[in-house]
Amino acid sequence: MQDDNKLDPAKKHRFQLELLTKEADEKKCALKIANLEIEQRQIQRKIDQLSVELAQKQSELKKEENERMMLQGEIRKIKRELNR
């Protein structure tokens, strides 16, 4: 009865080799996942930094646009005074 449950040595050896191969593949996969997670966090940090930079540039642009409009108004006012 017990002999029915035992694998023959060749089959057992194949299973052991397959197990080693699968374990090695799983470790490679786990390492790749860890590296991808690190890269993902780095990219997210870059996105966050770029978002801050974008907001600063948008604010700076708005300020410059307002300054330009004010200067254009002053230029028109001076030109009207000169044309009197």
PDB file of N, CA and C in Angstrom:
ATOM      1  N   MET A   1       0.811  -1.185   0.000  1.00  0.00           N
ATOM      2  CA  MET A   1       0.000   0.000   0.000  1.00  0.00           C
ATOM      3  C   MET A   1       0.857   1.252   0.000  1.00  0.00           C
ATOM      4  N   GLN A   2       1.887   1.239   0.829  1.00  0.00           N
ATOM      5  CA  GLN A   2       2.734   2.421   0.911  1.00  0.00           C
ATOM      6  C   GLN A   2       3.499   2.636  -0.387  1.00  0.00           C
ATOM      7  N   ASP A   3       3.795   1.612  -1.104  1.00  0.00           N
ATOM      8  CA  ASP A   3       4.514   1.737  -2.358  1.00  0.00           C
ATOM      9  C   ASP A   3       3.689   2.511  -3.400  1.00  0.00           C
ATOM     10  N   ASP A   4       2.384   2.454  -3.291  1.00  0.00           N
ATOM     11  CA  ASP A   4       1.525   3.184  -4.223  1.00  0.00           C
ATOM     12  C   ASP A   4       1.691   4.694  -4.076  1.00  0.00           C
ATOM     13  N   ASN A   5       1.981   5.163  -2.863  1.00  0.00           N
ATOM     14  CA  ASN A   5       2.101   6.587  -2.597  1.00  0.00           C
ATOM     15  C   ASN A   5       3.483   7.130  -2.950  1.00  0.00           C
ATOM     16  N   LYS A   6       4.474   6.303  -3.094  1.00  0.00           N
ATOM     17  CA  LYS A   6       5.842   6.748  -3.379  1.00  0.00           C
ATOM     18  C   LYS A   6       6.043   6.937  -4.872  1.00  0.00           C
ATOM     19  N   LEU A   7       6.828   7.980  -5.203  1.00  0.00           N
ATOM     20  CA  LEU A   7       7.174   8.217  -6.598  1.00  0.00           C
ATOM     21  C   LEU A   7       8.404   7.407  -6.959  1.00  0.00           C
ATOM     22  N   ASP A   8       8.493   7.045  -8.216  1.00  0.00           N
ATOM     23  CA  ASP A   8       9.717   6.371  -8.625  1.00  0.00           C
ATOM     24  C   ASP A   8      10.834   7.410  -8.624  1.00  0.00           C
ATOM     25  N   PRO A   9      12.078   7.000  -8.435  1.00  0.00           N
ATOM     26  CA  PRO A   9      13.203   7.939  -8.298  1.00  0.00           C
ATOM     27  C   PRO A   9      13.357   8.908  -9.474  1.00  0.00           C
ATOM     28  N   ALA A  10      13.119   8.458 -10.675  1.00  0.00           N
ATOM     29  CA  ALA A  10      13.269   9.336 -11.840  1.00  0.00           C
ATOM     30  C   ALA A  10      12.217  10.443 -11.811  1.00  0.00           C
ATOM     31  N   LYS A  11      11.009  10.057 -11.492  1.00  0.00           N
ATOM     32  CA  LYS A  11       9.931  11.038 -11.446  1.00  0.00           C
ATOM     33  C   LYS A  11      10.169  12.022 -10.299  1.00  0.00           C
ATOM     34  N   LYS A  12      10.618  11.505  -9.164  1.00  0.00           N
ATOM     35  CA  LYS A  12      10.911  12.355  -8.012  1.00  0.00           C
ATOM     36  C   LYS A  12      12.013  13.347  -8.374  1.00  0.00           C
ATOM     37  N   HIS A  13      13.017  12.906  -9.064  1.00  0.00           N
ATOM     38  CA  HIS A  13      14.121  13.764  -9.477  1.00  0.00           C
ATOM     39  C   HIS A  13      13.613  14.877 -10.415  1.00  0.00           C
ATOM     40  N   ARG A  14      12.748  14.521 -11.363  1.00  0.00           N
ATOM     41  CA  ARG A  14      12.172  15.527 -12.275  1.00  0.00           C
ATOM     42  C   ARG A  14      11.379  16.572 -11.499  1.00  0.00           C
ATOM     43  N   PHE A  15      10.599  16.130 -10.523  1.00  0.00           N
ATOM     44  CA  PHE A  15       9.825  17.062  -9.707  1.00  0.00           C
ATOM     45  C   PHE A  15      10.748  17.992  -8.903  1.00  0.00           C
ATOM     46  N   GLN A  16      11.828  17.425  -8.381  1.00  0.00           N
ATOM     47  CA  GLN A  16      12.766  18.244  -7.613  1.00  0.00           C
ATOM     48  C   GLN A  16      13.421  19.302  -8.500  1.00  0.00           C
ATOM     49  N   LEU A  17      13.808  18.910  -9.716  1.00  0.00           N
ATOM     50  CA  LEU A  17      14.387  19.878 -10.652  1.00  0.00           C
ATOM     51  C   LEU A  17      13.377  20.948 -11.038  1.00  0.00           C
ATOM     52  N   GLU A  18      12.159  20.521 -11.277  1.00  0.00           N
ATOM     53  CA  GLU A  18      11.106  21.472 -11.627  1.00  0.00           C
ATOM     54  C   GLU A  18      10.857  22.444 -10.471  1.00  0.00           C
ATOM     55  N   LEU A  19      10.866  21.909  -9.249  1.00  0.00           N
ATOM     56  CA  LEU A  19      10.680  22.750  -8.068  1.00  0.00           C
ATOM     57  C   LEU A  19      11.793  23.783  -7.962  1.00  0.00           C
ATOM     58  N   LEU A  20      13.032  23.385  -8.148  1.00  0.00           N
ATOM     59  CA  LEU A  20      14.162  24.312  -8.088  1.00  0.00           C
ATOM     60  C   LEU A  20      14.039  25.395  -9.158  1.00  0.00           C
ATOM     61  N   THR A  21      13.658  24.993 -10.337  1.00  0.00           N
ATOM     62  CA  THR A  21      13.493  25.947 -11.438  1.00  0.00           C
ATOM     63  C   THR A  21      12.383  26.951 -11.123  1.00  0.00           C
ATOM     64  N   LYS A  22      11.263  26.439 -10.658  1.00  0.00           N
ATOM     65  CA  LYS A  22      10.118  27.314 -10.337  1.00  0.00           C
ATOM     66  C   LYS A  22      10.478  28.265  -9.188  1.00  0.00           C
ATOM     67  N   GLU A  23      11.204  27.775  -8.188  1.00  0.00           N
ATOM     68  CA  GLU A  23      11.608  28.635  -7.072  1.00  0.00           C
ATOM     69  C   GLU A  23      12.558  29.734  -7.541  1.00  0.00           C
ATOM     70  N   ALA A  24      13.477  29.386  -8.439  1.00  0.00           N
ATOM     71  CA  ALA A  24      14.396  30.385  -8.985  1.00  0.00           C
ATOM     72  C   ALA A  24      13.631  31.422  -9.806  1.00  0.00           C
ATOM     73  N   ASP A  25      12.681  30.972 -10.603  1.00  0.00           N
ATOM     74  CA  ASP A  25      11.851  31.888 -11.394  1.00  0.00           C
ATOM     75  C   ASP A  25      11.047  32.815 -10.487  1.00  0.00           C
ATOM     76  N   GLU A  26      10.531  32.259  -9.398  1.00  0.00           N
ATOM     77  CA  GLU A  26       9.732  33.052  -8.464  1.00  0.00           C
ATOM     78  C   GLU A  26      10.598  34.121  -7.792  1.00  0.00           C
ATOM     79  N   LYS A  27      11.832  33.777  -7.461  1.00  0.00           N
ATOM     80  CA  LYS A  27      12.742  34.755  -6.844  1.00  0.00           C
ATOM     81  C   LYS A  27      13.075  35.871  -7.825  1.00  0.00           C
ATOM     82  N   LYS A  28      13.302  35.505  -9.094  1.00  0.00           N
ATOM     83  CA  LYS A  28      13.560  36.526 -10.120  1.00  0.00           C
ATOM     84  C   LYS A  28      12.358  37.452 -10.259  1.00  0.00           C
ATOM     85  N   CYS A  29      11.178  36.868 -10.248  1.00  0.00           N
ATOM     86  CA  CYS A  29       9.948  37.635 -10.370  1.00  0.00           C
ATOM     87  C   CYS A  29       9.784  38.581  -9.175  1.00  0.00           C
ATOM     88  N   ALA A  30      10.047  38.096  -7.976  1.00  0.00           N
ATOM     89  CA  ALA A  30       9.945  38.922  -6.767  1.00  0.00           C
ATOM     90  C   ALA A  30      10.938  40.083  -6.825  1.00  0.00           C
ATOM     91  N   LEU A  31      12.147  39.820  -7.308  1.00  0.00           N
ATOM     92  CA  LEU A  31      13.156  40.870  -7.430  1.00  0.00           C
ATOM     93  C   LEU A  31      12.724  41.907  -8.462  1.00  0.00           C
ATOM     94  N   LYS A  32      12.183  41.457  -9.563  1.00  0.00           N
ATOM     95  CA  LYS A  32      11.711  42.381 -10.596  1.00  0.00           C
ATOM     96  C   LYS A  32      10.568  43.242 -10.062  1.00  0.00           C
ATOM     97  N   ILE A  33       9.666  42.639  -9.311  1.00  0.00           N
ATOM     98  CA  ILE A  33       8.562  43.390  -8.705  1.00  0.00           C
ATOM     99  C   ILE A  33       9.111  44.458  -7.773  1.00  0.00           C
ATOM    100  N   ALA A  34      10.068  44.097  -6.934  1.00  0.00           N
ATOM    101  CA  ALA A  34      10.657  45.060  -5.996  1.00  0.00           C
ATOM    102  C   ALA A  34      11.307  46.214  -6.759  1.00  0.00           C
ATOM    103  N   ASN A  35      12.039  45.898  -7.825  1.00  0.00           N
ATOM    104  CA  ASN A  35      12.685  46.947  -8.619  1.00  0.00           C
ATOM    105  C   ASN A  35      11.655  47.846  -9.302  1.00  0.00           C
ATOM    106  N   LEU A  36      10.596  47.254  -9.821  1.00  0.00           N
ATOM    107  CA  LEU A  36       9.544  48.050 -10.459  1.00  0.00           C
ATOM    108  C   LEU A  36       8.836  48.954  -9.453  1.00  0.00           C
ATOM    109  N   GLU A  37       8.644  48.464  -8.242  1.00  0.00           N
ATOM    110  CA  GLU A  37       8.020  49.287  -7.205  1.00  0.00           C
ATOM    111  C   GLU A  37       8.915  50.472  -6.845  1.00  0.00           C
ATOM    112  N   ILE A  38      10.222  50.239  -6.780  1.00  0.00           N
ATOM    113  CA  ILE A  38      11.176  51.322  -6.507  1.00  0.00           C
ATOM    114  C   ILE A  38      11.118  52.354  -7.628  1.00  0.00           C
ATOM    115  N   GLU A  39      11.153  51.883  -8.873  1.00  0.00           N
ATOM    116  CA  GLU A  39      11.085  52.791 -10.020  1.00  0.00           C
ATOM    117  C   GLU A  39       9.777  53.575 -10.014  1.00  0.00           C
ATOM    118  N   GLN A  40       8.700  52.916  -9.668  1.00  0.00           N
ATOM    119  CA  GLN A  40       7.397  53.573  -9.626  1.00  0.00           C
ATOM    120  C   GLN A  40       7.408  54.696  -8.582  1.00  0.00           C
ATOM    121  N   ARG A  41       7.964  54.439  -7.408  1.00  0.00           N
ATOM    122  CA  ARG A  41       8.045  55.476  -6.370  1.00  0.00           C
ATOM    123  C   ARG A  41       8.911  56.643  -6.832  1.00  0.00           C
ATOM    124  N   GLN A  42      10.026  56.352  -7.514  1.00  0.00           N
ATOM    125  CA  GLN A  42      10.897  57.410  -8.013  1.00  0.00           C
ATOM    126  C   GLN A  42      10.167  58.265  -9.049  1.00  0.00           C
ATOM    127  N   ILE A  43       9.437  57.622  -9.931  1.00  0.00           N
ATOM    128  CA  ILE A  43       8.683  58.348 -10.952  1.00  0.00           C
ATOM    129  C   ILE A  43       7.600  59.201 -10.290  1.00  0.00           C
ATOM    130  N   GLN A  44       6.943  58.660  -9.277  1.00  0.00           N
ATOM    131  CA  GLN A  44       5.907  59.428  -8.575  1.00  0.00           C
ATOM    132  C   GLN A  44       6.508  60.663  -7.915  1.00  0.00           C
ATOM    133  N   ARG A  45       7.719  60.522  -7.348  1.00  0.00           N
ATOM    134  CA  ARG A  45       8.399  61.682  -6.755  1.00  0.00           C
ATOM    135  C   ARG A  45       8.682  62.735  -7.816  1.00  0.00           C
ATOM    136  N   LYS A  46       9.131  62.281  -8.987  1.00  0.00           N
ATOM    137  CA  LYS A  46       9.387  63.220 -10.082  1.00  0.00           C
ATOM    138  C   LYS A  46       8.105  63.927 -10.502  1.00  0.00           C
ATOM    139  N   ILE A  47       7.023  63.176 -10.581  1.00  0.00           N
ATOM    140  CA  ILE A  47       5.721  63.769 -10.945  1.00  0.00           C
ATOM    141  C   ILE A  47       5.341  64.832  -9.920  1.00  0.00           C
ATOM    142  N   ASP A  48       5.516  64.506  -8.639  1.00  0.00           N
ATOM    143  CA  ASP A  48       5.182  65.462  -7.584  1.00  0.00           C
ATOM    144  C   ASP A  48       6.043  66.722  -7.698  1.00  0.00           C
ATOM    145  N   GLN A  49       7.345  66.531  -7.945  1.00  0.00           N
ATOM    146  CA  GLN A  49       8.240  67.676  -8.094  1.00  0.00           C
ATOM    147  C   GLN A  49       7.847  68.513  -9.307  1.00  0.00           C
ATOM    148  N   LEU A  50       7.546  67.860 -10.408  1.00  0.00           N
ATOM    149  CA  LEU A  50       7.144  68.579 -11.615  1.00  0.00           C
ATOM    150  C   LEU A  50       5.814  69.308 -11.413  1.00  0.00           C
ATOM    151  N   SER A  51       4.920  68.732 -10.646  1.00  0.00           N
ATOM    152  CA  SER A  51       3.646  69.389 -10.360  1.00  0.00           C
ATOM    153  C   SER A  51       3.872  70.681  -9.586  1.00  0.00           C
ATOM    154  N   VAL A  52       4.789  70.637  -8.628  1.00  0.00           N
ATOM    155  CA  VAL A  52       5.121  71.837  -7.855  1.00  0.00           C
ATOM    156  C   VAL A  52       5.751  72.881  -8.776  1.00  0.00           C
ATOM    157  N   GLU A  53       6.699  72.458  -9.612  1.00  0.00           N
ATOM    158  CA  GLU A  53       7.343  73.377 -10.546  1.00  0.00           C
ATOM    159  C   GLU A  53       6.325  73.987 -11.508  1.00  0.00           C
ATOM    160  N   LEU A  54       5.406  73.169 -11.991  1.00  0.00           N
ATOM    161  CA  LEU A  54       4.378  73.649 -12.911  1.00  0.00           C
ATOM    162  C   LEU A  54       3.513  74.710 -12.239  1.00  0.00           C
ATOM    163  N   ALA A  55       3.109  74.460 -11.006  1.00  0.00           N
ATOM    164  CA  ALA A  55       2.284  75.429 -10.277  1.00  0.00           C
ATOM    165  C   ALA A  55       3.048  76.742 -10.083  1.00  0.00           C
ATOM    166  N   GLN A  56       4.341  76.651  -9.782  1.00  0.00           N
ATOM    167  CA  GLN A  56       5.156  77.855  -9.617  1.00  0.00           C
ATOM    168  C   GLN A  56       5.247  78.627 -10.926  1.00  0.00           C
ATOM    169  N   LYS A  57       5.477  77.929 -12.018  1.00  0.00           N
ATOM    170  CA  LYS A  57       5.596  78.589 -13.325  1.00  0.00           C
ATOM    171  C   LYS A  57       4.267  79.201 -13.753  1.00  0.00           C
ATOM    172  N   GLN A  58       3.175  78.522 -13.453  1.00  0.00           N
ATOM    173  CA  GLN A  58       1.862  79.071 -13.789  1.00  0.00           C
ATOM    174  C   GLN A  58       1.610  80.361 -13.013  1.00  0.00           C
ATOM    175  N   SER A  59       1.996  80.361 -11.751  1.00  0.00           N
ATOM    176  CA  SER A  59       1.849  81.550 -10.916  1.00  0.00           C
ATOM    177  C   SER A  59       2.726  82.684 -11.433  1.00  0.00           C
ATOM    178  N   GLU A  60       3.952  82.350 -11.783  1.00  0.00           N
ATOM    179  CA  GLU A  60       4.888  83.343 -12.326  1.00  0.00           C
ATOM    180  C   GLU A  60       4.365  83.912 -13.648  1.00  0.00           C
ATOM    181  N   LEU A  61       3.835  83.050 -14.496  1.00  0.00           N
ATOM    182  CA  LEU A  61       3.283  83.484 -15.775  1.00  0.00           C
ATOM    183  C   LEU A  61       2.113  84.442 -15.558  1.00  0.00           C
ATOM    184  N   LYS A  62       1.214  84.107 -14.645  1.00  0.00           N
ATOM    185  CA  LYS A  62       0.067  84.964 -14.362  1.00  0.00           C
ATOM    186  C   LYS A  62       0.545  86.330 -13.872  1.00  0.00           C
ATOM    187  N   LYS A  63       1.538  86.333 -13.003  1.00  0.00           N
ATOM    188  CA  LYS A  63       2.094  87.589 -12.482  1.00  0.00           C
ATOM    189  C   LYS A  63       2.675  88.428 -13.613  1.00  0.00           C
ATOM    190  N   GLU A  64       3.416  87.794 -14.507  1.00  0.00           N
ATOM    191  CA  GLU A  64       4.034  88.515 -15.629  1.00  0.00           C
ATOM    192  C   GLU A  64       2.968  89.031 -16.600  1.00  0.00           C
ATOM    193  N   GLU A  65       1.925  88.226 -16.824  1.00  0.00           N
ATOM    194  CA  GLU A  65       0.844  88.675 -17.698  1.00  0.00           C
ATOM    195  C   GLU A  65       0.154  89.905 -17.120  1.00  0.00           C
ATOM    196  N   ASN A  66      -0.073  89.888 -15.813  1.00  0.00           N
ATOM    197  CA  ASN A  66      -0.686  91.043 -15.154  1.00  0.00           C
ATOM    198  C   ASN A  66       0.217  92.271 -15.241  1.00  0.00           C
ATOM    199  N   GLU A  67       1.496  92.074 -15.041  1.00  0.00           N
ATOM    200  CA  GLU A  67       2.470  93.161 -15.137  1.00  0.00           C
ATOM    201  C   GLU A  67       2.467  93.743 -16.550  1.00  0.00           C
ATOM    202  N   ARG A  68       2.437  92.871 -17.553  1.00  0.00           N
ATOM    203  CA  ARG A  68       2.437  93.323 -18.943  1.00  0.00           C
ATOM    204  C   ARG A  68       1.178  94.131 -19.258  1.00  0.00           C
ATOM    205  N   MET A  69       0.031  93.639 -18.796  1.00  0.00           N
ATOM    206  CA  MET A  69      -1.217  94.371 -19.043  1.00  0.00           C
ATOM    207  C   MET A  69      -1.167  95.761 -18.404  1.00  0.00           C
ATOM    208  N   MET A  70      -0.620  95.845 -17.204  1.00  0.00           N
ATOM    209  CA  MET A  70      -0.497  97.129 -16.537  1.00  0.00           C
ATOM    210  C   MET A  70       0.425  98.067 -17.329  1.00  0.00           C
ATOM    211  N   LEU A  71       1.538  97.534 -17.801  1.00  0.00           N
ATOM    212  CA  LEU A  71       2.479  98.341 -18.588  1.00  0.00           C
ATOM    213  C   LEU A  71       1.860  98.789 -19.910  1.00  0.00           C
ATOM    214  N   GLN A  72       1.099  97.906 -20.543  1.00  0.00           N
ATOM    215  CA  GLN A  72       0.431  98.276 -21.796  1.00  0.00           C
ATOM    216  C   GLN A  72      -0.568  99.415 -21.557  1.00  0.00           C
ATOM    217  N   GLY A  73      -1.278  99.356 -20.441  1.00  0.00           N
ATOM    218  CA  GLY A  73      -2.206 100.420 -20.095  1.00  0.00           C
ATOM    219  C   GLY A  73      -1.480 101.738 -19.871  1.00  0.00           C
ATOM    220  N   GLU A  74      -0.349 101.685 -19.189  1.00  0.00           N
ATOM    221  CA  GLU A  74       0.442 102.892 -18.947  1.00  0.00           C
ATOM    222  C   GLU A  74       1.000 103.447 -20.256  1.00  0.00           C
ATOM    223  N   ILE A  75       1.412 102.557 -21.157  1.00  0.00           N
ATOM    224  CA  ILE A  75       1.926 102.990 -22.471  1.00  0.00           C
ATOM    225  C   ILE A  75       0.834 103.715 -23.249  1.00  0.00           C
ATOM    226  N   ARG A  76      -0.364 103.151 -23.271  1.00  0.00           N
ATOM    227  CA  ARG A  76      -1.484 103.800 -23.976  1.00  0.00           C
ATOM    228  C   ARG A  76      -1.785 105.177 -23.374  1.00  0.00           C
ATOM    229  N   LYS A  77      -1.747 105.253 -22.065  1.00  0.00           N
ATOM    230  CA  LYS A  77      -2.016 106.521 -21.377  1.00  0.00           C
ATOM    231  C   LYS A  77      -0.981 107.572 -21.762  1.00  0.00           C
ATOM    232  N   ILE A  78       0.297 107.183 -21.788  1.00  0.00           N
ATOM    233  CA  ILE A  78       1.365 108.126 -22.147  1.00  0.00           C
ATOM    234  C   ILE A  78       1.233 108.544 -23.615  1.00  0.00           C
ATOM    235  N   LYS A  79       0.911 107.593 -24.501  1.00  0.00           N
ATOM    236  CA  LYS A  79       0.736 107.912 -25.922  1.00  0.00           C
ATOM    237  C   LYS A  79      -0.415 108.902 -26.113  1.00  0.00           C
ATOM    238  N   ARG A  80      -1.505 108.753 -25.385  1.00  0.00           N
ATOM    239  CA  ARG A  80      -2.631 109.681 -25.483  1.00  0.00           C
ATOM    240  C   ARG A  80      -2.202 111.076 -25.043  1.00  0.00           C
ATOM    241  N   GLU A  81      -1.409 111.131 -24.000  1.00  0.00           N
ATOM    242  CA  GLU A  81      -0.915 112.423 -23.510  1.00  0.00           C
ATOM    243  C   GLU A  81      -0.009 113.087 -24.552  1.00  0.00           C
ATOM    244  N   LEU A  82       0.818 112.284 -25.231  1.00  0.00           N
ATOM    245  CA  LEU A  82       1.726 112.829 -26.236  1.00  0.00           C
ATOM    246  C   LEU A  82       0.969 113.305 -27.474  1.00  0.00           C
ATOM    247  N   ASN A  83      -0.169 112.697 -27.795  1.00  0.00           N
ATOM    248  CA  ASN A  83      -0.926 113.028 -28.992  1.00  0.00           C
ATOM    249  C   ASN A  83      -1.912 114.189 -28.764  1.00  0.00           C
ATOM    250  N   ARG A  84      -1.925 114.800 -27.639  1.00  0.00           N
ATOM    251  CA  ARG A  84      -2.848 115.918 -27.387  1.00  0.00           C
ATOM    252  C   ARG A  84      -2.405 117.154 -28.068  1.00  0.00           C
TER     253      ARG A  84
END
